[in-house]
Amino acid sequence: MTLPEVQLWQQLRGSPQGVSFRRQHPIGPYVVDFFCPKASLVIEIDGISRDMANRPARDALRDAFLADNGYRVLRIAAARILADPTGTAEAIVSRAARPLHQPAAGPPPRVGED
């Protein structure tokens, strides 16, 4: 794990506010940085390599796969975590505790399905 991932994990482990997270969680052919099953929320930490070579195109495919399968993806800059790991974690927990989509209702409709 990178330093930002370690710092974020120190804040997220232990189920803050009753919201549990997993790190390095497999979903389909991918392994996501962090995952909150309650909110179907994937958290990806973007470092400097995010903008290099074909990485943006690969990340777009990954995000599309996750979205098509009912997951919300939250991308966070590594610099934000390094600057304020506690505040970043609190924002993540807040979003996970109050998801826009209610998981009990099933995944949201796929693109083109209304």
PDB file of N, CA and C in Angstrom:
ATOM      1  N   MET A   1       0.844  -1.179   0.000  1.00  0.00           N
ATOM      2  CA  MET A   1       0.000   0.000   0.000  1.00  0.00           C
ATOM      3  C   MET A   1       0.892   1.245   0.000  1.00  0.00           C
ATOM      4  N   THR A   2       0.412   2.265  -0.672  1.00  0.00           N
ATOM      5  CA  THR A   2       1.127   3.534  -0.707  1.00  0.00           C
ATOM      6  C   THR A   2       0.884   4.286   0.605  1.00  0.00           C
ATOM      7  N   LEU A   3       1.680   5.319   0.860  1.00  0.00           N
ATOM      8  CA  LEU A   3       1.504   6.095   2.086  1.00  0.00           C
ATOM      9  C   LEU A   3       0.095   6.681   2.205  1.00  0.00           C
ATOM     10  N   PRO A   4      -0.458   7.296   1.149  1.00  0.00           N
ATOM     11  CA  PRO A   4      -1.836   7.794   1.284  1.00  0.00           C
ATOM     12  C   PRO A   4      -2.845   6.684   1.604  1.00  0.00           C
ATOM     13  N   GLU A   5      -2.661   5.514   1.008  1.00  0.00           N
ATOM     14  CA  GLU A   5      -3.563   4.396   1.291  1.00  0.00           C
ATOM     15  C   GLU A   5      -3.443   3.952   2.739  1.00  0.00           C
ATOM     16  N   VAL A   6      -2.218   3.905   3.258  1.00  0.00           N
ATOM     17  CA  VAL A   6      -2.008   3.522   4.655  1.00  0.00           C
ATOM     18  C   VAL A   6      -2.671   4.535   5.584  1.00  0.00           C
ATOM     19  N   GLN A   7      -2.465   5.818   5.291  1.00  0.00           N
ATOM     20  CA  GLN A   7      -3.063   6.850   6.144  1.00  0.00           C
ATOM     21  C   GLN A   7      -4.585   6.792   6.116  1.00  0.00           C
ATOM     22  N   LEU A   8      -5.153   6.579   4.943  1.00  0.00           N
ATOM     23  CA  LEU A   8      -6.606   6.493   4.843  1.00  0.00           C
ATOM     24  C   LEU A   8      -7.120   5.242   5.551  1.00  0.00           C
ATOM     25  N   TRP A   9      -6.442   4.125   5.379  1.00  0.00           N
ATOM     26  CA  TRP A   9      -6.867   2.882   6.012  1.00  0.00           C
ATOM     27  C   TRP A   9      -6.842   3.008   7.538  1.00  0.00           C
ATOM     28  N   GLN A  10      -5.873   3.723   8.086  1.00  0.00           N
ATOM     29  CA  GLN A  10      -5.826   3.923   9.531  1.00  0.00           C
ATOM     30  C   GLN A  10      -7.084   4.641  10.024  1.00  0.00           C
ATOM     31  N   GLN A  11      -7.654   5.471   9.191  1.00  0.00           N
ATOM     32  CA  GLN A  11      -8.869   6.201   9.557  1.00  0.00           C
ATOM     33  C   GLN A  11     -10.136   5.375   9.319  1.00  0.00           C
ATOM     34  N   LEU A  12     -10.131   4.545   8.272  1.00  0.00           N
ATOM     35  CA  LEU A  12     -11.349   3.823   7.885  1.00  0.00           C
ATOM     36  C   LEU A  12     -11.526   2.475   8.582  1.00  0.00           C
ATOM     37  N   ARG A  13     -10.432   1.861   9.001  1.00  0.00           N
ATOM     38  CA  ARG A  13     -10.577   0.543   9.631  1.00  0.00           C
ATOM     39  C   ARG A  13     -11.276   0.684  10.967  1.00  0.00           C
ATOM     40  N   GLY A  14     -11.917  -0.363  11.387  1.00  0.00           N
ATOM     41  CA  GLY A  14     -12.641  -0.330  12.650  1.00  0.00           C
ATOM     42  C   GLY A  14     -14.066   0.155  12.519  1.00  0.00           C
ATOM     43  N   SER A  15     -14.574   0.289  11.311  1.00  0.00           N
ATOM     44  CA  SER A  15     -15.969   0.661  11.051  1.00  0.00           C
ATOM     45  C   SER A  15     -16.387   1.966  11.724  1.00  0.00           C
ATOM     46  N   PRO A  16     -15.794   3.100  11.290  1.00  0.00           N
ATOM     47  CA  PRO A  16     -16.222   4.375  11.876  1.00  0.00           C
ATOM     48  C   PRO A  16     -17.705   4.630  11.610  1.00  0.00           C
ATOM     49  N   GLN A  17     -18.418   5.070  12.623  1.00  0.00           N
ATOM     50  CA  GLN A  17     -19.865   5.345  12.557  1.00  0.00           C
ATOM     51  C   GLN A  17     -20.651   4.118  12.085  1.00  0.00           C
ATOM     52  N   GLY A  18     -20.117   2.932  12.330  1.00  0.00           N
ATOM     53  CA  GLY A  18     -20.797   1.702  11.948  1.00  0.00           C
ATOM     54  C   GLY A  18     -20.717   1.363  10.473  1.00  0.00           C
ATOM     55  N   VAL A  19     -19.868   2.063   9.728  1.00  0.00           N
ATOM     56  CA  VAL A  19     -19.706   1.824   8.296  1.00  0.00           C
ATOM     57  C   VAL A  19     -18.405   1.046   8.092  1.00  0.00           C
ATOM     58  N   SER A  20     -18.510  -0.160   7.539  1.00  0.00           N
ATOM     59  CA  SER A  20     -17.314  -0.980   7.367  1.00  0.00           C
ATOM     60  C   SER A  20     -16.720  -0.812   5.967  1.00  0.00           C
ATOM     61  N   PHE A  21     -15.410  -0.942   5.918  1.00  0.00           N
ATOM     62  CA  PHE A  21     -14.661  -0.832   4.671  1.00  0.00           C
ATOM     63  C   PHE A  21     -13.735  -2.026   4.545  1.00  0.00           C
ATOM     64  N   ARG A  22     -13.448  -2.371   3.313  1.00  0.00           N
ATOM     65  CA  ARG A  22     -12.463  -3.412   3.005  1.00  0.00           C
ATOM     66  C   ARG A  22     -11.374  -2.765   2.161  1.00  0.00           C
ATOM     67  N   ARG A  23     -10.163  -3.243   2.296  1.00  0.00           N
ATOM     68  CA  ARG A  23      -9.089  -2.717   1.447  1.00  0.00           C
ATOM     69  C   ARG A  23      -8.646  -3.800   0.479  1.00  0.00           C
ATOM     70  N   GLN A  24      -8.173  -3.362  -0.672  1.00  0.00           N
ATOM     71  CA  GLN A  24      -7.710  -4.271  -1.714  1.00  0.00           C
ATOM     72  C   GLN A  24      -8.751  -5.361  -1.972  1.00  0.00           C
ATOM     73  N   HIS A  25      -9.954  -4.931  -2.302  1.00  0.00           N
ATOM     74  CA  HIS A  25     -11.093  -5.841  -2.468  1.00  0.00           C
ATOM     75  C   HIS A  25     -11.305  -6.177  -3.944  1.00  0.00           C
ATOM     76  N   PRO A  26     -11.392  -7.484  -4.282  1.00  0.00           N
ATOM     77  CA  PRO A  26     -11.635  -7.862  -5.683  1.00  0.00           C
ATOM     78  C   PRO A  26     -13.094  -7.665  -6.085  1.00  0.00           C
ATOM     79  N   ILE A  27     -13.279  -7.065  -7.259  1.00  0.00           N
ATOM     80  CA  ILE A  27     -14.611  -6.929  -7.873  1.00  0.00           C
ATOM     81  C   ILE A  27     -14.414  -7.258  -9.345  1.00  0.00           C
ATOM     82  N   GLY A  28     -15.001  -8.367  -9.775  1.00  0.00           N
ATOM     83  CA  GLY A  28     -14.801  -8.800 -11.162  1.00  0.00           C
ATOM     84  C   GLY A  28     -13.311  -8.985 -11.429  1.00  0.00           C
ATOM     85  N   PRO A  29     -12.817  -8.463 -12.554  1.00  0.00           N
ATOM     86  CA  PRO A  29     -11.404  -8.629 -12.883  1.00  0.00           C
ATOM     87  C   PRO A  29     -10.497  -7.592 -12.206  1.00  0.00           C
ATOM     88  N   TYR A  30     -11.043  -6.753 -11.337  1.00  0.00           N
ATOM     89  CA  TYR A  30     -10.290  -5.656 -10.734  1.00  0.00           C
ATOM     90  C   TYR A  30     -10.119  -5.841  -9.230  1.00  0.00           C
ATOM     91  N   VAL A  31      -9.120  -5.182  -8.684  1.00  0.00           N
ATOM     92  CA  VAL A  31      -8.940  -5.075  -7.239  1.00  0.00           C
ATOM     93  C   VAL A  31      -8.988  -3.587  -6.924  1.00  0.00           C
ATOM     94  N   VAL A  32      -9.989  -3.190  -6.142  1.00  0.00           N
ATOM     95  CA  VAL A  32     -10.167  -1.771  -5.828  1.00  0.00           C
ATOM     96  C   VAL A  32      -9.414  -1.437  -4.550  1.00  0.00           C
ATOM     97  N   ASP A  33      -9.052  -0.167  -4.397  1.00  0.00           N
ATOM     98  CA  ASP A  33      -8.291   0.249  -3.217  1.00  0.00           C
ATOM     99  C   ASP A  33      -9.095   0.032  -1.937  1.00  0.00           C
ATOM    100  N   PHE A  34     -10.313   0.561  -1.893  1.00  0.00           N
ATOM    101  CA  PHE A  34     -11.186   0.404  -0.730  1.00  0.00           C
ATOM    102  C   PHE A  34     -12.616   0.178  -1.220  1.00  0.00           C
ATOM    103  N   PHE A  35     -13.397  -0.548  -0.407  1.00  0.00           N
ATOM    104  CA  PHE A  35     -14.764  -0.863  -0.779  1.00  0.00           C
ATOM    105  C   PHE A  35     -15.642  -0.822   0.458  1.00  0.00           C
ATOM    106  N   CYS A  36     -16.796  -0.180   0.327  1.00  0.00           N
ATOM    107  CA  CYS A  36     -17.809  -0.156   1.378  1.00  0.00           C
ATOM    108  C   CYS A  36     -19.018  -0.937   0.871  1.00  0.00           C
ATOM    109  N   PRO A  37     -19.200  -2.172   1.361  1.00  0.00           N
ATOM    110  CA  PRO A  37     -20.312  -2.992   0.856  1.00  0.00           C
ATOM    111  C   PRO A  37     -21.683  -2.395   1.137  1.00  0.00           C
ATOM    112  N   LYS A  38     -21.860  -1.746   2.278  1.00  0.00           N
ATOM    113  CA  LYS A  38     -23.166  -1.182   2.652  1.00  0.00           C
ATOM    114  C   LYS A  38     -23.661  -0.188   1.608  1.00  0.00           C
ATOM    115  N   ALA A  39     -22.741   0.593   1.047  1.00  0.00           N
ATOM    116  CA  ALA A  39     -23.118   1.647   0.098  1.00  0.00           C
ATOM    117  C   ALA A  39     -22.730   1.317  -1.336  1.00  0.00           C
ATOM    118  N   SER A  40     -22.195   0.117  -1.576  1.00  0.00           N
ATOM    119  CA  SER A  40     -21.675  -0.248  -2.907  1.00  0.00           C
ATOM    120  C   SER A  40     -20.760   0.852  -3.429  1.00  0.00           C
ATOM    121  N   LEU A  41     -19.892   1.334  -2.532  1.00  0.00           N
ATOM    122  CA  LEU A  41     -19.011   2.447  -2.834  1.00  0.00           C
ATOM    123  C   LEU A  41     -17.573   1.971  -2.966  1.00  0.00           C
ATOM    124  N   VAL A  42     -16.965   2.288  -4.089  1.00  0.00           N
ATOM    125  CA  VAL A  42     -15.565   1.985  -4.353  1.00  0.00           C
ATOM    126  C   VAL A  42     -14.776   3.277  -4.193  1.00  0.00           C
ATOM    127  N   ILE A  43     -13.687   3.215  -3.443  1.00  0.00           N
ATOM    128  CA  ILE A  43     -12.817   4.373  -3.272  1.00  0.00           C
ATOM    129  C   ILE A  43     -11.484   4.056  -3.936  1.00  0.00           C
ATOM    130  N   GLU A  44     -11.115   4.892  -4.899  1.00  0.00           N
ATOM    131  CA  GLU A  44      -9.842   4.736  -5.603  1.00  0.00           C
ATOM    132  C   GLU A  44      -8.959   5.938  -5.277  1.00  0.00           C
ATOM    133  N   ILE A  45      -7.714   5.663  -4.936  1.00  0.00           N
ATOM    134  CA  ILE A  45      -6.752   6.708  -4.618  1.00  0.00           C
ATOM    135  C   ILE A  45      -5.922   6.974  -5.865  1.00  0.00           C
ATOM    136  N   ASP A  46      -5.938   8.223  -6.316  1.00  0.00           N
ATOM    137  CA  ASP A  46      -5.225   8.602  -7.534  1.00  0.00           C
ATOM    138  C   ASP A  46      -3.943   9.345  -7.195  1.00  0.00           C
ATOM    139  N   GLY A  47      -2.833   8.718  -7.538  1.00  0.00           N
ATOM    140  CA  GLY A  47      -1.536   9.346  -7.359  1.00  0.00           C
ATOM    141  C   GLY A  47      -1.076   9.986  -8.651  1.00  0.00           C
ATOM    142  N   ILE A  48       0.193  10.315  -8.704  1.00  0.00           N
ATOM    143  CA  ILE A  48       0.747  10.999  -9.865  1.00  0.00           C
ATOM    144  C   ILE A  48       0.680  10.134 -11.126  1.00  0.00           C
ATOM    145  N   SER A  49       0.737   8.828 -10.975  1.00  0.00           N
ATOM    146  CA  SER A  49       0.726   7.940 -12.145  1.00  0.00           C
ATOM    147  C   SER A  49      -0.635   7.905 -12.838  1.00  0.00           C
ATOM    148  N   ARG A  50      -1.656   8.461 -12.224  1.00  0.00           N
ATOM    149  CA  ARG A  50      -3.010   8.453 -12.787  1.00  0.00           C
ATOM    150  C   ARG A  50      -3.068   9.053 -14.188  1.00  0.00           C
ATOM    151  N   ASP A  51      -2.242  10.064 -14.463  1.00  0.00           N
ATOM    152  CA  ASP A  51      -2.301  10.768 -15.743  1.00  0.00           C
ATOM    153  C   ASP A  51      -1.252  10.301 -16.742  1.00  0.00           C
ATOM    154  N   MET A  52      -0.547   9.243 -16.446  1.00  0.00           N
ATOM    155  CA  MET A  52       0.548   8.803 -17.320  1.00  0.00           C
ATOM    156  C   MET A  52       0.113   7.708 -18.283  1.00  0.00           C
ATOM    157  N   ALA A  53       0.723   7.731 -19.459  1.00  0.00           N
ATOM    158  CA  ALA A  53       0.558   6.703 -20.496  1.00  0.00           C
ATOM    159  C   ALA A  53      -0.926   6.425 -20.771  1.00  0.00           C
ATOM    160  N   ASN A  54      -1.294   5.139 -20.751  1.00  0.00           N
ATOM    161  CA  ASN A  54      -2.672   4.758 -21.065  1.00  0.00           C
ATOM    162  C   ASN A  54      -3.530   4.610 -19.807  1.00  0.00           C
ATOM    163  N   ARG A  55      -3.028   5.067 -18.680  1.00  0.00           N
ATOM    164  CA  ARG A  55      -3.743   4.906 -17.413  1.00  0.00           C
ATOM    165  C   ARG A  55      -5.143   5.528 -17.417  1.00  0.00           C
ATOM    166  N   PRO A  56      -5.311   6.762 -17.942  1.00  0.00           N
ATOM    167  CA  PRO A  56      -6.670   7.335 -17.941  1.00  0.00           C
ATOM    168  C   PRO A  56      -7.676   6.476 -18.711  1.00  0.00           C
ATOM    169  N   ALA A  57      -7.260   5.911 -19.829  1.00  0.00           N
ATOM    170  CA  ALA A  57      -8.168   5.062 -20.613  1.00  0.00           C
ATOM    171  C   ALA A  57      -8.497   3.778 -19.853  1.00  0.00           C
ATOM    172  N   ARG A  58      -7.496   3.186 -19.209  1.00  0.00           N
ATOM    173  CA  ARG A  58      -7.733   1.970 -18.412  1.00  0.00           C
ATOM    174  C   ARG A  58      -8.652   2.261 -17.239  1.00  0.00           C
ATOM    175  N   ASP A  59      -8.429   3.411 -16.587  1.00  0.00           N
ATOM    176  CA  ASP A  59      -9.288   3.774 -15.457  1.00  0.00           C
ATOM    177  C   ASP A  59     -10.725   4.024 -15.910  1.00  0.00           C
ATOM    178  N   ALA A  60     -10.897   4.601 -17.092  1.00  0.00           N
ATOM    179  CA  ALA A  60     -12.244   4.845 -17.617  1.00  0.00           C
ATOM    180  C   ALA A  60     -12.974   3.527 -17.857  1.00  0.00           C
ATOM    181  N   LEU A  61     -12.283   2.530 -18.404  1.00  0.00           N
ATOM    182  CA  LEU A  61     -12.888   1.210 -18.602  1.00  0.00           C
ATOM    183  C   LEU A  61     -13.258   0.569 -17.270  1.00  0.00           C
ATOM    184  N   ARG A  62     -12.368   0.678 -16.314  1.00  0.00           N
ATOM    185  CA  ARG A  62     -12.596   0.131 -14.979  1.00  0.00           C
ATOM    186  C   ARG A  62     -13.810   0.803 -14.329  1.00  0.00           C
ATOM    187  N   ASP A  63     -13.858   2.139 -14.389  1.00  0.00           N
ATOM    188  CA  ASP A  63     -14.982   2.871 -13.799  1.00  0.00           C
ATOM    189  C   ASP A  63     -16.296   2.506 -14.479  1.00  0.00           C
ATOM    190  N   ALA A  64     -16.269   2.340 -15.801  1.00  0.00           N
ATOM    191  CA  ALA A  64     -17.478   1.962 -16.537  1.00  0.00           C
ATOM    192  C   ALA A  64     -17.951   0.570 -16.115  1.00  0.00           C
ATOM    193  N   PHE A  65     -17.020  -0.368 -15.974  1.00  0.00           N
ATOM    194  CA  PHE A  65     -17.377  -1.720 -15.528  1.00  0.00           C
ATOM    195  C   PHE A  65     -18.027  -1.658 -14.149  1.00  0.00           C
ATOM    196  N   LEU A  66     -17.412  -0.923 -13.236  1.00  0.00           N
ATOM    197  CA  LEU A  66     -17.949  -0.832 -11.877  1.00  0.00           C
ATOM    198  C   LEU A  66     -19.327  -0.180 -11.871  1.00  0.00           C
ATOM    199  N   ALA A  67     -19.479   0.912 -12.604  1.00  0.00           N
ATOM    200  CA  ALA A  67     -20.776   1.597 -12.664  1.00  0.00           C
ATOM    201  C   ALA A  67     -21.844   0.706 -13.286  1.00  0.00           C
ATOM    202  N   ASP A  68     -21.494  -0.016 -14.339  1.00  0.00           N
ATOM    203  CA  ASP A  68     -22.454  -0.914 -14.993  1.00  0.00           C
ATOM    204  C   ASP A  68     -22.908  -2.041 -14.068  1.00  0.00           C
ATOM    205  N   ASN A  69     -22.105  -2.316 -13.045  1.00  0.00           N
ATOM    206  CA  ASN A  69     -22.436  -3.390 -12.113  1.00  0.00           C
ATOM    207  C   ASN A  69     -22.945  -2.866 -10.769  1.00  0.00           C
ATOM    208  N   GLY A  70     -23.374  -1.598 -10.754  1.00  0.00           N
ATOM    209  CA  GLY A  70     -24.051  -1.060  -9.586  1.00  0.00           C
ATOM    210  C   GLY A  70     -23.173  -0.434  -8.519  1.00  0.00           C
ATOM    211  N   TYR A  71     -21.903  -0.190  -8.816  1.00  0.00           N
ATOM    212  CA  TYR A  71     -21.006   0.416  -7.840  1.00  0.00           C
ATOM    213  C   TYR A  71     -20.808   1.894  -8.156  1.00  0.00           C
ATOM    214  N   ARG A  72     -20.716   2.693  -7.105  1.00  0.00           N
ATOM    215  CA  ARG A  72     -20.343   4.098  -7.259  1.00  0.00           C
ATOM    216  C   ARG A  72     -18.843   4.188  -7.022  1.00  0.00           C
ATOM    217  N   VAL A  73     -18.159   4.961  -7.838  1.00  0.00           N
ATOM    218  CA  VAL A  73     -16.713   5.106  -7.718  1.00  0.00           C
ATOM    219  C   VAL A  73     -16.405   6.522  -7.247  1.00  0.00           C
ATOM    220  N   LEU A  74     -15.636   6.591  -6.200  1.00  0.00           N
ATOM    221  CA  LEU A  74     -15.177   7.866  -5.661  1.00  0.00           C
ATOM    222  C   LEU A  74     -13.659   7.896  -5.803  1.00  0.00           C
ATOM    223  N   ARG A  75     -13.163   8.808  -6.636  1.00  0.00           N
ATOM    224  CA  ARG A  75     -11.716   8.955  -6.843  1.00  0.00           C
ATOM    225  C   ARG A  75     -11.218  10.115  -5.996  1.00  0.00           C
ATOM    226  N   ILE A  76     -10.164   9.852  -5.249  1.00  0.00           N
ATOM    227  CA  ILE A  76      -9.608  10.857  -4.358  1.00  0.00           C
ATOM    228  C   ILE A  76      -8.124  11.016  -4.662  1.00  0.00           C
ATOM    229  N   ALA A  77      -7.691  12.257  -4.774  1.00  0.00           N
ATOM    230  CA  ALA A  77      -6.281  12.544  -5.027  1.00  0.00           C
ATOM    231  C   ALA A  77      -5.456  12.179  -3.792  1.00  0.00           C
ATOM    232  N   ALA A  78      -4.327  11.535  -4.043  1.00  0.00           N
ATOM    233  CA  ALA A  78      -3.432  11.152  -2.956  1.00  0.00           C
ATOM    234  C   ALA A  78      -2.987  12.382  -2.161  1.00  0.00           C
ATOM    235  N   ALA A  79      -2.793  13.496  -2.849  1.00  0.00           N
ATOM    236  CA  ALA A  79      -2.364  14.724  -2.178  1.00  0.00           C
ATOM    237  C   ALA A  79      -3.399  15.188  -1.151  1.00  0.00           C
ATOM    238  N   ARG A  80      -4.672  14.991  -1.437  1.00  0.00           N
ATOM    239  CA  ARG A  80      -5.725  15.385  -0.486  1.00  0.00           C
ATOM    240  C   ARG A  80      -5.612  14.566   0.794  1.00  0.00           C
ATOM    241  N   ILE A  81      -5.366  13.276   0.638  1.00  0.00           N
ATOM    242  CA  ILE A  81      -5.239  12.409   1.813  1.00  0.00           C
ATOM    243  C   ILE A  81      -4.010  12.802   2.625  1.00  0.00           C
ATOM    244  N   LEU A  82      -2.900  13.052   1.950  1.00  0.00           N
ATOM    245  CA  LEU A  82      -1.683  13.445   2.654  1.00  0.00           C
ATOM    246  C   LEU A  82      -1.884  14.758   3.411  1.00  0.00           C
ATOM    247  N   ALA A  83      -2.648  15.670   2.844  1.00  0.00           N
ATOM    248  CA  ALA A  83      -2.886  16.968   3.477  1.00  0.00           C
ATOM    249  C   ALA A  83      -3.844  16.867   4.660  1.00  0.00           C
ATOM    250  N   ASP A  84      -4.853  15.992   4.560  1.00  0.00           N
ATOM    251  CA  ASP A  84      -5.869  15.906   5.607  1.00  0.00           C
ATOM    252  C   ASP A  84      -6.497  14.512   5.646  1.00  0.00           C
ATOM    253  N   PRO A  85      -5.780  13.516   6.185  1.00  0.00           N
ATOM    254  CA  PRO A  85      -6.336  12.160   6.196  1.00  0.00           C
ATOM    255  C   PRO A  85      -7.618  12.033   7.014  1.00  0.00           C
ATOM    256  N   THR A  86      -7.705  12.736   8.122  1.00  0.00           N
ATOM    257  CA  THR A  86      -8.899  12.641   8.970  1.00  0.00           C
ATOM    258  C   THR A  86     -10.113  13.246   8.278  1.00  0.00           C
ATOM    259  N   GLY A  87      -9.958  14.436   7.733  1.00  0.00           N
ATOM    260  CA  GLY A  87     -11.067  15.087   7.040  1.00  0.00           C
ATOM    261  C   GLY A  87     -11.519  14.322   5.814  1.00  0.00           C
ATOM    262  N   THR A  88     -10.551  13.762   5.082  1.00  0.00           N
ATOM    263  CA  THR A  88     -10.890  12.963   3.902  1.00  0.00           C
ATOM    264  C   THR A  88     -11.693  11.729   4.303  1.00  0.00           C
ATOM    265  N   ALA A  89     -11.242  11.053   5.353  1.00  0.00           N
ATOM    266  CA  ALA A  89     -11.945   9.855   5.824  1.00  0.00           C
ATOM    267  C   ALA A  89     -13.349  10.213   6.309  1.00  0.00           C
ATOM    268  N   GLU A  90     -13.484  11.334   7.006  1.00  0.00           N
ATOM    269  CA  GLU A  90     -14.810  11.745   7.487  1.00  0.00           C
ATOM    270  C   GLU A  90     -15.763  12.006   6.317  1.00  0.00           C
ATOM    271  N   ALA A  91     -15.246  12.608   5.251  1.00  0.00           N
ATOM    272  CA  ALA A  91     -16.081  12.858   4.070  1.00  0.00           C
ATOM    273  C   ALA A  91     -16.503  11.548   3.416  1.00  0.00           C
ATOM    274  N   ILE A  92     -15.606  10.591   3.356  1.00  0.00           N
ATOM    275  CA  ILE A  92     -15.925   9.281   2.773  1.00  0.00           C
ATOM    276  C   ILE A  92     -16.976   8.570   3.613  1.00  0.00           C
ATOM    277  N   VAL A  93     -16.785   8.549   4.912  1.00  0.00           N
ATOM    278  CA  VAL A  93     -17.736   7.877   5.809  1.00  0.00           C
ATOM    279  C   VAL A  93     -19.108   8.535   5.713  1.00  0.00           C
ATOM    280  N   SER A  94     -19.129   9.843   5.634  1.00  0.00           N
ATOM    281  CA  SER A  94     -20.399  10.564   5.505  1.00  0.00           C
ATOM    282  C   SER A  94     -21.123  10.166   4.229  1.00  0.00           C
ATOM    283  N   ARG A  95     -20.389  10.090   3.131  1.00  0.00           N
ATOM    284  CA  ARG A  95     -21.014   9.692   1.863  1.00  0.00           C
ATOM    285  C   ARG A  95     -21.487   8.239   1.921  1.00  0.00           C
ATOM    286  N   ALA A  96     -20.693   7.364   2.522  1.00  0.00           N
ATOM    287  CA  ALA A  96     -21.068   5.946   2.602  1.00  0.00           C
ATOM    288  C   ALA A  96     -22.254   5.736   3.536  1.00  0.00           C
ATOM    289  N   ALA A  97     -22.350   6.544   4.578  1.00  0.00           N
ATOM    290  CA  ALA A  97     -23.447   6.388   5.543  1.00  0.00           C
ATOM    291  C   ALA A  97     -24.779   6.851   4.970  1.00  0.00           C
ATOM    292  N   ARG A  98     -24.731   7.750   3.982  1.00  0.00           N
ATOM    293  CA  ARG A  98     -25.948   8.268   3.370  1.00  0.00           C
ATOM    294  C   ARG A  98     -25.865   8.115   1.859  1.00  0.00           C
ATOM    295  N   PRO A  99     -25.940   6.882   1.343  1.00  0.00           N
ATOM    296  CA  PRO A  99     -25.822   6.700  -0.106  1.00  0.00           C
ATOM    297  C   PRO A  99     -27.007   7.311  -0.849  1.00  0.00           C
ATOM    298  N   LEU A 100     -26.738   7.787  -2.049  1.00  0.00           N
ATOM    299  CA  LEU A 100     -27.804   8.338  -2.880  1.00  0.00           C
ATOM    300  C   LEU A 100     -28.756   7.254  -3.333  1.00  0.00           C
ATOM    301  N   HIS A 101     -28.221   6.064  -3.555  1.00  0.00           N
ATOM    302  CA  HIS A 101     -29.016   4.920  -3.991  1.00  0.00           C
ATOM    303  C   HIS A 101     -29.174   3.976  -2.809  1.00  0.00           C
ATOM    304  N   GLN A 102     -30.355   3.465  -2.599  1.00  0.00           N
ATOM    305  CA  GLN A 102     -30.586   2.544  -1.499  1.00  0.00           C
ATOM    306  C   GLN A 102     -30.254   1.121  -1.955  1.00  0.00           C
ATOM    307  N   PRO A 103     -29.187   0.498  -1.412  1.00  0.00           N
ATOM    308  CA  PRO A 103     -28.782  -0.832  -1.852  1.00  0.00           C
ATOM    309  C   PRO A 103     -29.884  -1.878  -1.762  1.00  0.00           C
ATOM    310  N   ALA A 104     -30.815  -1.746  -0.806  1.00  0.00           N
ATOM    311  CA  ALA A 104     -31.889  -2.733  -0.664  1.00  0.00           C
ATOM    312  C   ALA A 104     -32.807  -2.750  -1.883  1.00  0.00           C
ATOM    313  N   ALA A 105     -32.803  -1.675  -2.635  1.00  0.00           N
ATOM    314  CA  ALA A 105     -33.648  -1.580  -3.823  1.00  0.00           C
ATOM    315  C   ALA A 105     -32.994  -2.230  -5.028  1.00  0.00           C
ATOM    316  N   GLY A 106     -31.804  -2.780  -4.847  1.00  0.00           N
ATOM    317  CA  GLY A 106     -31.080  -3.393  -5.944  1.00  0.00           C
ATOM    318  C   GLY A 106     -30.203  -2.372  -6.652  1.00  0.00           C
ATOM    319  N   PRO A 107     -29.420  -2.812  -7.596  1.00  0.00           N
ATOM    320  CA  PRO A 107     -28.528  -1.866  -8.279  1.00  0.00           C
ATOM    321  C   PRO A 107     -29.339  -0.881  -9.114  1.00  0.00           C
ATOM    322  N   PRO A 108     -28.752   0.282  -9.353  1.00  0.00           N
ATOM    323  CA  PRO A 108     -29.450   1.241 -10.186  1.00  0.00           C
ATOM    324  C   PRO A 108     -29.564   0.706 -11.618  1.00  0.00           C
ATOM    325  N   PRO A 109     -30.498   1.215 -12.401  1.00  0.00           N
ATOM    326  CA  PRO A 109     -30.630   0.709 -13.778  1.00  0.00           C
ATOM    327  C   PRO A 109     -29.363   0.999 -14.575  1.00  0.00           C
ATOM    328  N   ARG A 110     -29.019   0.070 -15.458  1.00  0.00           N
ATOM    329  CA  ARG A 110     -27.865   0.279 -16.332  1.00  0.00           C
ATOM    330  C   ARG A 110     -28.193   1.323 -17.378  1.00  0.00           C
ATOM    331  N   VAL A 111     -27.185   1.843 -17.984  1.00  0.00           N
ATOM    332  CA  VAL A 111     -27.365   2.868 -19.003  1.00  0.00           C
ATOM    333  C   VAL A 111     -28.316   2.336 -20.078  1.00  0.00           C
ATOM    334  N   GLY A 112     -29.337   3.095 -20.405  1.00  0.00           N
ATOM    335  CA  GLY A 112     -30.300   2.697 -21.422  1.00  0.00           C
ATOM    336  C   GLY A 112     -31.494   1.940 -20.874  1.00  0.00           C
ATOM    337  N   GLU A 113     -31.439   1.544 -19.599  1.00  0.00           N
ATOM    338  CA  GLU A 113     -32.565   0.832 -18.972  1.00  0.00           C
ATOM    339  C   GLU A 113     -33.280   1.807 -18.043  1.00  0.00           C
ATOM    340  N   ASP A 114     -34.489   2.148 -18.346  1.00  0.00           N
ATOM    341  CA  ASP A 114     -35.217   3.080 -17.460  1.00  0.00           C
ATOM    342  C   ASP A 114     -36.406   2.448 -16.850  1.00  0.00           C
TER     343      ASP A 114
END
